[in-house]
Structure formats: C-alpha cells, structure tokens
C-alpha cells in the first residue's frame, strides 16, 4: 500500500427554517438548518468522504446509510470519529485537510477557528493542518438562493510510520 494517499469529498444538503445548523462540528446561529437523516453537518460529511476515498473504502453512505435507524439524528462528529478509526486501522494518519463551505448566509468567519479546533481534535491532527474556508456563491444557484449548503474537502494521509 502506498505511503501517501489523497482523497476528496463533496456533500450538499437542503436548508429549511427551524432546524439547527451544524457545520464543522459547531452549532451556527441561523434561522435555517440542514434537512438530513443525521445532524446534516455538510463539511464533516464531505470530510468523511475524502478520508474514505483516500483509502478506497467507499463513501459515507456505504458506512453510515441514511436508511439506518442507528444513524437517525446522529451527531456527525461521531461519524468522523468512526471514519478516523477506519483510517487508523488501515495504518494511516491525517497530514492535512482542506475544507471549503459554500453558504450564502450567515457569515461563517466567527466560527472558523472553532471548526478547525473541533475537527483537528477528532482527527488527531495539529490545527495548522486543518483549513476551513467559507464562501458565498454571490447569490447564484441554490446556495445563493439560500436553498442549500455545500462543502468540499481534500485530505492528505500518510502511513503512520512516516515522519
């Protein structure tokens, strides 16, 4: 097995009024939240897909199906912990992760540091290796119309015995 692996992930959820909005493991103050089987944490779902993809282990739906009562309403941080167990069992560790969240509003700048800290702690990574960026879509498309949130994630994994 190779010493270095790269993976990318993508996730999207529709937004609706009256639901909690969880992004990067942090509760965001917003009148809109994600419609989902779990808590709908779009960046964590994209990150799980990137981690699983780097090791050719399938996707988040394979490991945590949205048809399973076990995962109904689950905190996505638990899904990330379970995914990291698979990464560790395969003999890898996170080198770095880069996540982009597309959401028209609210502005996410006040939450970025907390997201980075939360994700780094779960992945056993240094915060300097976890990047979270937020963007709008300049009011274009479903994100721009505040109908949904999307996230992209890229990860680099190293074999545990590598420096």
N, C-alpha and C. Protein backbone atom coordinates (compact mmCIF):
# COMPACT_ATOMS: atom_id res chain seq x y z
N UNK A 1 0.85 -1.19 0.00
CA UNK A 1 0.00 0.00 0.00
C UNK A 1 0.89 1.25 0.00
N UNK A 2 0.48 2.25 -0.71
CA UNK A 2 1.25 3.47 -0.84
C UNK A 2 1.42 4.16 0.52
N UNK A 3 2.49 4.97 0.61
CA UNK A 3 2.77 5.69 1.85
C UNK A 3 1.98 6.98 1.99
N UNK A 4 1.54 7.54 0.86
CA UNK A 4 0.78 8.80 0.87
C UNK A 4 -0.49 8.59 0.06
N UNK A 5 -1.60 9.06 0.59
CA UNK A 5 -2.89 8.96 -0.10
C UNK A 5 -3.57 10.32 -0.07
N UNK A 6 -4.29 10.64 -1.14
CA UNK A 6 -5.08 11.87 -1.19
C UNK A 6 -6.52 11.51 -1.50
N UNK A 7 -7.45 12.24 -0.91
CA UNK A 7 -8.86 12.00 -1.17
C UNK A 7 -9.63 13.30 -1.22
N UNK A 8 -10.74 13.27 -1.93
CA UNK A 8 -11.60 14.47 -1.95
C UNK A 8 -13.04 14.04 -1.69
N UNK A 9 -13.80 14.96 -1.14
CA UNK A 9 -15.18 14.67 -0.83
C UNK A 9 -16.05 15.88 -1.09
N UNK A 10 -17.32 15.61 -1.27
CA UNK A 10 -18.31 16.66 -1.53
C UNK A 10 -19.61 16.25 -0.84
N UNK A 11 -20.31 17.24 -0.29
CA UNK A 11 -21.63 16.97 0.26
C UNK A 11 -22.50 18.20 0.10
N UNK A 12 -23.79 17.98 0.08
CA UNK A 12 -24.77 19.06 -0.04
C UNK A 12 -26.03 18.66 0.71
N UNK A 13 -26.66 19.63 1.35
CA UNK A 13 -27.95 19.41 2.00
C UNK A 13 -28.83 20.63 1.75
N UNK A 14 -30.11 20.37 1.61
CA UNK A 14 -31.08 21.46 1.50
C UNK A 14 -31.24 22.10 2.88
N UNK A 15 -31.63 23.38 2.85
CA UNK A 15 -31.88 24.14 4.08
C UNK A 15 -33.37 24.35 4.29
N UNK A 16 -33.76 24.40 5.56
CA UNK A 16 -35.16 24.70 5.89
C UNK A 16 -35.19 25.47 7.20
N UNK A 17 -36.25 26.24 7.37
CA UNK A 17 -36.41 27.03 8.60
C UNK A 17 -36.67 26.13 9.80
N UNK A 18 -36.16 26.60 10.95
CA UNK A 18 -36.45 25.94 12.21
C UNK A 18 -35.59 24.75 12.56
N UNK A 19 -34.60 24.42 11.73
CA UNK A 19 -33.70 23.30 12.02
C UNK A 19 -32.37 23.85 12.50
N UNK A 20 -31.67 23.10 13.35
CA UNK A 20 -30.34 23.55 13.78
C UNK A 20 -29.34 23.46 12.63
N UNK A 21 -28.39 24.37 12.61
CA UNK A 21 -27.34 24.36 11.59
C UNK A 21 -26.02 24.00 12.25
N UNK A 22 -25.51 22.82 11.89
CA UNK A 22 -24.22 22.33 12.38
C UNK A 22 -23.25 22.30 11.21
N UNK A 23 -22.12 22.97 11.38
CA UNK A 23 -21.07 22.98 10.35
C UNK A 23 -19.72 22.79 11.01
N UNK A 24 -18.98 21.80 10.56
CA UNK A 24 -17.65 21.55 11.12
C UNK A 24 -17.69 21.22 12.60
N UNK A 25 -18.79 20.63 13.05
CA UNK A 25 -18.94 20.25 14.44
C UNK A 25 -19.34 21.38 15.37
N UNK A 26 -19.70 22.53 14.81
CA UNK A 26 -20.03 23.72 15.60
C UNK A 26 -21.46 24.14 15.28
N UNK A 27 -22.22 24.47 16.32
CA UNK A 27 -23.59 24.97 16.12
C UNK A 27 -23.51 26.42 15.66
N UNK A 28 -24.14 26.71 14.53
CA UNK A 28 -24.13 28.03 13.92
C UNK A 28 -25.48 28.70 14.17
N UNK A 29 -25.45 29.96 14.60
CA UNK A 29 -26.69 30.72 14.79
C UNK A 29 -27.27 31.04 13.41
N UNK A 30 -28.44 30.48 13.13
CA UNK A 30 -29.07 30.68 11.82
C UNK A 30 -30.54 30.29 11.90
N UNK A 31 -31.39 31.00 11.17
CA UNK A 31 -32.80 30.59 11.12
C UNK A 31 -33.00 29.35 10.25
N UNK A 32 -32.00 29.00 9.45
CA UNK A 32 -32.07 27.86 8.55
C UNK A 32 -31.10 26.77 9.00
N UNK A 33 -31.52 25.52 8.87
CA UNK A 33 -30.65 24.38 9.17
C UNK A 33 -30.78 23.35 8.06
N UNK A 34 -29.94 22.34 8.12
CA UNK A 34 -29.90 21.32 7.07
C UNK A 34 -30.94 20.23 7.29
N UNK A 35 -31.61 19.89 6.20
CA UNK A 35 -32.54 18.75 6.19
C UNK A 35 -31.66 17.51 5.99
N UNK A 36 -31.73 16.57 6.93
CA UNK A 36 -30.86 15.41 6.83
C UNK A 36 -31.33 14.28 7.73
N UNK A 37 -30.85 13.09 7.46
CA UNK A 37 -31.10 11.92 8.31
C UNK A 37 -30.30 12.05 9.61
N UNK A 38 -29.06 12.58 9.50
CA UNK A 38 -28.21 12.83 10.66
C UNK A 38 -28.42 14.28 11.08
N UNK A 39 -27.38 14.89 11.68
CA UNK A 39 -27.49 16.32 12.01
C UNK A 39 -27.22 17.21 10.81
N UNK A 40 -26.84 16.61 9.66
CA UNK A 40 -26.68 17.37 8.42
C UNK A 40 -25.43 18.21 8.34
N UNK A 41 -24.38 17.85 9.07
CA UNK A 41 -23.14 18.63 9.08
C UNK A 41 -22.38 18.41 7.75
N UNK A 42 -22.67 19.27 6.80
CA UNK A 42 -22.17 19.13 5.43
C UNK A 42 -20.63 19.04 5.36
N UNK A 43 -19.87 19.92 6.04
CA UNK A 43 -18.41 19.80 5.95
C UNK A 43 -17.87 18.49 6.53
N UNK A 44 -18.46 18.02 7.61
CA UNK A 44 -17.99 16.74 8.17
C UNK A 44 -18.32 15.60 7.21
N UNK A 45 -19.47 15.64 6.58
CA UNK A 45 -19.81 14.58 5.62
C UNK A 45 -18.84 14.59 4.44
N UNK A 46 -18.50 15.76 3.94
CA UNK A 46 -17.52 15.86 2.85
C UNK A 46 -16.15 15.36 3.32
N UNK A 47 -15.79 15.69 4.55
CA UNK A 47 -14.51 15.26 5.10
C UNK A 47 -14.47 13.74 5.25
N UNK A 48 -15.55 13.14 5.74
CA UNK A 48 -15.60 11.67 5.83
C UNK A 48 -15.44 11.03 4.46
N UNK A 49 -16.12 11.58 3.46
CA UNK A 49 -15.98 11.05 2.10
C UNK A 49 -14.55 11.17 1.59
N UNK A 50 -13.88 12.28 1.89
CA UNK A 50 -12.49 12.46 1.46
C UNK A 50 -11.59 11.44 2.14
N UNK A 51 -11.77 11.22 3.43
CA UNK A 51 -10.96 10.25 4.17
C UNK A 51 -11.18 8.84 3.65
N UNK A 52 -12.44 8.47 3.46
CA UNK A 52 -12.77 7.14 2.96
C UNK A 52 -12.27 6.97 1.53
N UNK A 53 -12.43 8.00 0.72
CA UNK A 53 -11.98 7.94 -0.67
C UNK A 53 -10.47 7.78 -0.79
N UNK A 54 -9.73 8.43 0.09
CA UNK A 54 -8.26 8.33 0.04
C UNK A 54 -7.81 6.89 0.21
N UNK A 55 -8.57 6.10 0.92
CA UNK A 55 -8.21 4.70 1.17
C UNK A 55 -9.06 3.72 0.36
N UNK A 56 -9.83 4.24 -0.59
CA UNK A 56 -10.69 3.42 -1.46
C UNK A 56 -11.63 2.55 -0.63
N UNK A 57 -12.21 3.14 0.42
CA UNK A 57 -13.12 2.41 1.31
C UNK A 57 -14.59 2.73 1.03
N UNK A 58 -14.87 3.33 -0.11
CA UNK A 58 -16.24 3.67 -0.43
C UNK A 58 -16.58 5.06 0.04
N UNK A 59 -17.87 5.28 0.32
CA UNK A 59 -18.30 6.62 0.72
C UNK A 59 -19.08 6.56 2.03
N UNK A 60 -19.47 7.72 2.50
CA UNK A 60 -20.15 7.83 3.78
C UNK A 60 -21.46 7.04 3.80
N UNK A 61 -22.16 7.00 2.66
CA UNK A 61 -23.41 6.25 2.58
C UNK A 61 -23.22 4.75 2.73
N UNK A 62 -22.08 4.25 2.31
CA UNK A 62 -21.78 2.82 2.46
C UNK A 62 -21.60 2.46 3.93
N UNK A 63 -20.91 3.32 4.67
CA UNK A 63 -20.58 3.03 6.07
C UNK A 63 -21.67 3.48 7.05
N UNK A 64 -22.39 4.55 6.69
CA UNK A 64 -23.40 5.13 7.58
C UNK A 64 -24.66 5.44 6.77
N UNK A 65 -25.38 4.43 6.32
CA UNK A 65 -26.51 4.65 5.41
C UNK A 65 -27.64 5.47 6.03
N UNK A 66 -28.22 6.32 5.19
CA UNK A 66 -29.32 7.17 5.67
C UNK A 66 -30.64 6.41 5.75
N UNK A 67 -30.57 5.12 5.54
CA UNK A 67 -31.74 4.27 5.71
C UNK A 67 -31.70 3.53 7.05
N UNK A 68 -30.62 3.71 7.80
CA UNK A 68 -30.43 3.01 9.06
C UNK A 68 -30.93 3.84 10.25
N UNK A 69 -31.75 3.22 11.08
CA UNK A 69 -32.24 3.89 12.29
C UNK A 69 -31.08 4.21 13.24
N UNK A 70 -30.00 3.44 13.17
CA UNK A 70 -28.83 3.67 14.03
C UNK A 70 -28.25 5.07 13.85
N UNK A 71 -28.35 5.61 12.64
CA UNK A 71 -27.74 6.90 12.35
C UNK A 71 -28.75 8.05 12.29
N UNK A 72 -30.01 7.79 12.61
CA UNK A 72 -31.04 8.83 12.60
C UNK A 72 -30.70 9.88 13.66
N UNK A 73 -30.51 11.13 13.22
CA UNK A 73 -30.22 12.24 14.12
C UNK A 73 -28.83 12.22 14.74
N UNK A 74 -27.95 11.35 14.26
CA UNK A 74 -26.62 11.21 14.87
C UNK A 74 -25.78 12.48 14.72
N UNK A 75 -25.00 12.75 15.71
CA UNK A 75 -24.02 13.83 15.69
C UNK A 75 -22.93 13.44 14.69
N UNK A 76 -22.72 14.24 13.69
CA UNK A 76 -21.74 13.90 12.64
C UNK A 76 -20.31 13.81 13.18
N UNK A 77 -20.05 14.41 14.33
CA UNK A 77 -18.72 14.24 14.93
C UNK A 77 -18.47 12.77 15.25
N UNK A 78 -19.53 12.04 15.60
CA UNK A 78 -19.40 10.60 15.85
C UNK A 78 -19.06 9.88 14.55
N UNK A 79 -19.67 10.30 13.45
CA UNK A 79 -19.36 9.69 12.15
C UNK A 79 -17.89 9.93 11.79
N UNK A 80 -17.40 11.13 12.07
CA UNK A 80 -15.99 11.43 11.80
C UNK A 80 -15.08 10.58 12.70
N UNK A 81 -15.46 10.40 13.95
CA UNK A 81 -14.67 9.54 14.85
C UNK A 81 -14.60 8.11 14.32
N UNK A 82 -15.75 7.60 13.87
CA UNK A 82 -15.80 6.24 13.32
C UNK A 82 -14.96 6.14 12.04
N UNK A 83 -15.03 7.19 11.22
CA UNK A 83 -14.23 7.21 10.00
C UNK A 83 -12.74 7.23 10.33
N UNK A 84 -12.37 8.03 11.33
CA UNK A 84 -10.96 8.09 11.73
C UNK A 84 -10.48 6.74 12.29
N UNK A 85 -11.35 5.98 12.90
CA UNK A 85 -10.98 4.64 13.35
C UNK A 85 -10.61 3.76 12.16
N UNK A 86 -11.37 3.88 11.07
CA UNK A 86 -11.06 3.13 9.85
C UNK A 86 -9.73 3.57 9.26
N UNK A 87 -9.47 4.88 9.29
CA UNK A 87 -8.20 5.41 8.78
C UNK A 87 -7.04 4.85 9.61
N UNK A 88 -7.20 4.89 10.91
CA UNK A 88 -6.15 4.39 11.81
C UNK A 88 -5.93 2.89 11.64
N UNK A 89 -7.02 2.13 11.55
CA UNK A 89 -6.92 0.68 11.36
C UNK A 89 -6.20 0.33 10.06
N UNK A 90 -6.31 1.20 9.06
CA UNK A 90 -5.62 0.98 7.78
C UNK A 90 -4.14 1.39 7.87
N UNK A 91 -3.75 1.97 9.00
CA UNK A 91 -2.35 2.33 9.20
C UNK A 91 -1.99 3.74 8.76
N UNK A 92 -2.98 4.62 8.68
CA UNK A 92 -2.74 5.98 8.21
C UNK A 92 -3.09 7.02 9.27
N UNK A 93 -2.58 8.22 9.04
CA UNK A 93 -2.89 9.39 9.87
C UNK A 93 -3.09 10.57 8.93
N UNK A 94 -3.76 11.61 9.42
CA UNK A 94 -4.03 12.79 8.61
C UNK A 94 -2.79 13.67 8.56
N UNK A 95 -2.38 14.02 7.35
CA UNK A 95 -1.32 15.01 7.15
C UNK A 95 -1.94 16.40 7.20
N UNK A 96 -2.94 16.60 6.36
CA UNK A 96 -3.70 17.84 6.41
C UNK A 96 -5.06 17.66 5.75
N UNK A 97 -5.95 18.59 6.07
CA UNK A 97 -7.30 18.60 5.50
C UNK A 97 -7.62 20.04 5.10
N UNK A 98 -8.28 20.18 3.96
CA UNK A 98 -8.67 21.50 3.46
C UNK A 98 -10.15 21.42 3.09
N UNK A 99 -10.95 22.26 3.72
CA UNK A 99 -12.41 22.21 3.56
C UNK A 99 -12.90 23.58 3.11
N UNK A 100 -13.80 23.59 2.14
CA UNK A 100 -14.46 24.81 1.70
C UNK A 100 -15.96 24.63 1.87
N UNK A 101 -16.58 25.58 2.56
CA UNK A 101 -18.03 25.57 2.78
C UNK A 101 -18.65 26.69 1.96
N UNK A 102 -19.65 26.35 1.16
CA UNK A 102 -20.39 27.36 0.39
C UNK A 102 -21.76 27.54 1.01
N UNK A 103 -21.99 28.75 1.54
CA UNK A 103 -23.24 29.09 2.20
C UNK A 103 -23.45 30.59 2.04
N UNK A 104 -24.60 30.97 1.56
CA UNK A 104 -24.84 32.40 1.32
C UNK A 104 -24.87 33.21 2.61
N UNK A 105 -25.58 32.68 3.60
CA UNK A 105 -25.61 33.32 4.91
C UNK A 105 -26.00 32.30 5.95
N UNK A 106 -25.62 32.47 7.17
CA UNK A 106 -24.90 33.60 7.76
C UNK A 106 -23.41 33.55 7.43
N UNK A 107 -22.72 34.64 7.72
CA UNK A 107 -21.28 34.68 7.56
C UNK A 107 -20.66 33.71 8.56
N UNK A 108 -19.67 32.96 8.12
CA UNK A 108 -19.09 31.92 8.96
C UNK A 108 -17.76 32.31 9.61
N UNK A 109 -17.21 33.47 9.27
CA UNK A 109 -15.90 33.88 9.81
C UNK A 109 -15.81 33.74 11.34
N UNK A 110 -16.84 34.11 12.11
CA UNK A 110 -16.72 34.00 13.57
C UNK A 110 -16.62 32.55 14.07
N UNK A 111 -16.93 31.57 13.23
CA UNK A 111 -16.96 30.17 13.65
C UNK A 111 -15.78 29.35 13.14
N UNK A 112 -14.98 29.90 12.25
CA UNK A 112 -13.93 29.13 11.58
C UNK A 112 -12.93 28.52 12.56
N UNK A 113 -12.43 29.30 13.51
CA UNK A 113 -11.44 28.78 14.45
C UNK A 113 -12.01 27.62 15.26
N UNK A 114 -13.24 27.77 15.73
CA UNK A 114 -13.87 26.68 16.50
C UNK A 114 -14.02 25.42 15.64
N UNK A 115 -14.36 25.59 14.37
CA UNK A 115 -14.47 24.44 13.47
C UNK A 115 -13.12 23.75 13.33
N UNK A 116 -12.08 24.54 13.08
CA UNK A 116 -10.74 23.97 12.92
C UNK A 116 -10.30 23.21 14.18
N UNK A 117 -10.55 23.81 15.32
CA UNK A 117 -10.18 23.16 16.59
C UNK A 117 -10.94 21.86 16.79
N UNK A 118 -12.23 21.88 16.52
CA UNK A 118 -13.08 20.70 16.69
C UNK A 118 -12.63 19.57 15.77
N UNK A 119 -12.45 19.89 14.49
CA UNK A 119 -12.07 18.87 13.52
C UNK A 119 -10.66 18.32 13.79
N UNK A 120 -9.73 19.20 14.13
CA UNK A 120 -8.36 18.77 14.42
C UNK A 120 -8.35 17.81 15.60
N UNK A 121 -9.11 18.12 16.64
CA UNK A 121 -9.15 17.25 17.82
C UNK A 121 -9.68 15.86 17.47
N UNK A 122 -10.73 15.80 16.68
CA UNK A 122 -11.31 14.50 16.32
C UNK A 122 -10.35 13.71 15.44
N UNK A 123 -9.66 14.39 14.53
CA UNK A 123 -8.76 13.69 13.60
C UNK A 123 -7.39 13.42 14.19
N UNK A 124 -7.11 13.94 15.38
CA UNK A 124 -5.79 13.76 15.97
C UNK A 124 -4.73 14.50 15.18
N UNK A 125 -5.11 15.62 14.61
CA UNK A 125 -4.21 16.41 13.77
C UNK A 125 -3.90 17.74 14.46
N UNK A 126 -2.81 18.34 14.06
CA UNK A 126 -2.48 19.68 14.53
C UNK A 126 -3.41 20.67 13.83
N UNK A 127 -3.84 21.69 14.54
CA UNK A 127 -4.75 22.68 13.95
C UNK A 127 -4.14 23.35 12.72
N UNK A 128 -2.81 23.44 12.66
CA UNK A 128 -2.17 24.05 11.49
C UNK A 128 -2.34 23.19 10.24
N UNK A 129 -2.79 21.96 10.42
CA UNK A 129 -3.03 21.08 9.28
C UNK A 129 -4.49 20.97 8.90
N UNK A 130 -5.34 21.81 9.51
CA UNK A 130 -6.78 21.78 9.21
C UNK A 130 -7.22 23.16 8.77
N UNK A 131 -7.59 23.26 7.51
CA UNK A 131 -8.05 24.52 6.93
C UNK A 131 -9.55 24.46 6.70
N UNK A 132 -10.24 25.50 7.13
CA UNK A 132 -11.66 25.63 6.84
C UNK A 132 -11.86 27.02 6.24
N UNK A 133 -12.44 27.04 5.05
CA UNK A 133 -12.71 28.30 4.37
C UNK A 133 -14.20 28.38 4.07
N UNK A 134 -14.72 29.59 4.06
CA UNK A 134 -16.14 29.79 3.75
C UNK A 134 -16.26 30.76 2.58
N UNK A 135 -17.26 30.50 1.77
CA UNK A 135 -17.53 31.38 0.63
C UNK A 135 -19.03 31.46 0.40
N UNK A 136 -19.45 32.49 -0.27
CA UNK A 136 -20.81 32.57 -0.77
C UNK A 136 -20.74 32.21 -2.25
N UNK A 137 -21.87 32.17 -2.88
CA UNK A 137 -21.85 31.96 -4.34
C UNK A 137 -22.35 33.21 -5.05
N UNK A 138 -22.16 34.37 -4.38
CA UNK A 138 -22.55 35.66 -4.96
C UNK A 138 -24.02 35.65 -5.41
N UNK A 139 -24.84 34.98 -4.59
CA UNK A 139 -26.28 34.89 -4.80
C UNK A 139 -26.67 34.09 -6.05
N UNK A 140 -25.75 33.26 -6.54
CA UNK A 140 -26.02 32.42 -7.70
C UNK A 140 -26.37 31.00 -7.27
N UNK A 141 -27.23 30.33 -8.02
CA UNK A 141 -27.55 28.93 -7.78
C UNK A 141 -28.30 28.68 -6.50
N UNK A 142 -28.44 27.37 -6.16
CA UNK A 142 -29.22 27.01 -4.97
C UNK A 142 -28.59 27.54 -3.69
N UNK A 143 -27.26 27.61 -3.62
CA UNK A 143 -26.60 28.17 -2.43
C UNK A 143 -26.92 29.66 -2.33
N UNK A 144 -26.81 30.36 -3.44
CA UNK A 144 -27.08 31.80 -3.47
C UNK A 144 -28.51 32.16 -3.13
N UNK A 145 -29.42 31.25 -3.43
CA UNK A 145 -30.84 31.47 -3.10
C UNK A 145 -31.16 30.99 -1.67
N UNK A 146 -30.15 30.58 -0.91
CA UNK A 146 -30.30 30.08 0.48
C UNK A 146 -31.16 28.82 0.53
N UNK A 147 -31.09 28.01 -0.51
CA UNK A 147 -31.82 26.74 -0.54
C UNK A 147 -30.99 25.58 -0.02
N UNK A 148 -29.67 25.76 0.01
CA UNK A 148 -28.82 24.66 0.44
C UNK A 148 -27.43 25.12 0.81
N UNK A 149 -26.68 24.18 1.35
CA UNK A 149 -25.28 24.38 1.75
C UNK A 149 -24.47 23.25 1.12
N UNK A 150 -23.28 23.57 0.64
CA UNK A 150 -22.41 22.54 0.09
C UNK A 150 -21.01 22.70 0.66
N UNK A 151 -20.26 21.59 0.65
CA UNK A 151 -18.89 21.62 1.14
C UNK A 151 -18.03 20.67 0.33
N UNK A 152 -16.77 21.07 0.19
CA UNK A 152 -15.75 20.28 -0.49
C UNK A 152 -14.63 20.04 0.50
N UNK A 153 -14.05 18.85 0.47
CA UNK A 153 -12.93 18.55 1.37
C UNK A 153 -11.87 17.77 0.62
N UNK A 154 -10.63 18.07 0.92
CA UNK A 154 -9.48 17.35 0.40
C UNK A 154 -8.60 16.98 1.58
N UNK A 155 -8.13 15.74 1.59
CA UNK A 155 -7.24 15.30 2.66
C UNK A 155 -5.99 14.63 2.09
N UNK A 156 -4.94 14.73 2.87
CA UNK A 156 -3.69 14.03 2.57
C UNK A 156 -3.41 13.11 3.75
N UNK A 157 -3.26 11.83 3.47
CA UNK A 157 -2.98 10.85 4.52
C UNK A 157 -1.56 10.30 4.35
N UNK A 158 -0.91 10.06 5.47
CA UNK A 158 0.42 9.46 5.50
C UNK A 158 0.35 8.15 6.25
N UNK A 159 1.21 7.21 5.86
CA UNK A 159 1.38 6.00 6.66
C UNK A 159 1.85 6.42 8.03
N UNK A 160 1.40 5.77 9.07
CA UNK A 160 1.73 6.16 10.45
C UNK A 160 3.23 6.16 10.72
N UNK A 161 3.98 5.31 10.09
CA UNK A 161 5.42 5.25 10.37
C UNK A 161 6.24 6.30 9.63
N UNK A 162 5.59 7.13 8.82
CA UNK A 162 6.29 8.21 8.11
C UNK A 162 6.43 9.41 9.04
N UNK A 163 7.52 10.16 8.90
CA UNK A 163 7.70 11.35 9.74
C UNK A 163 6.67 12.44 9.45
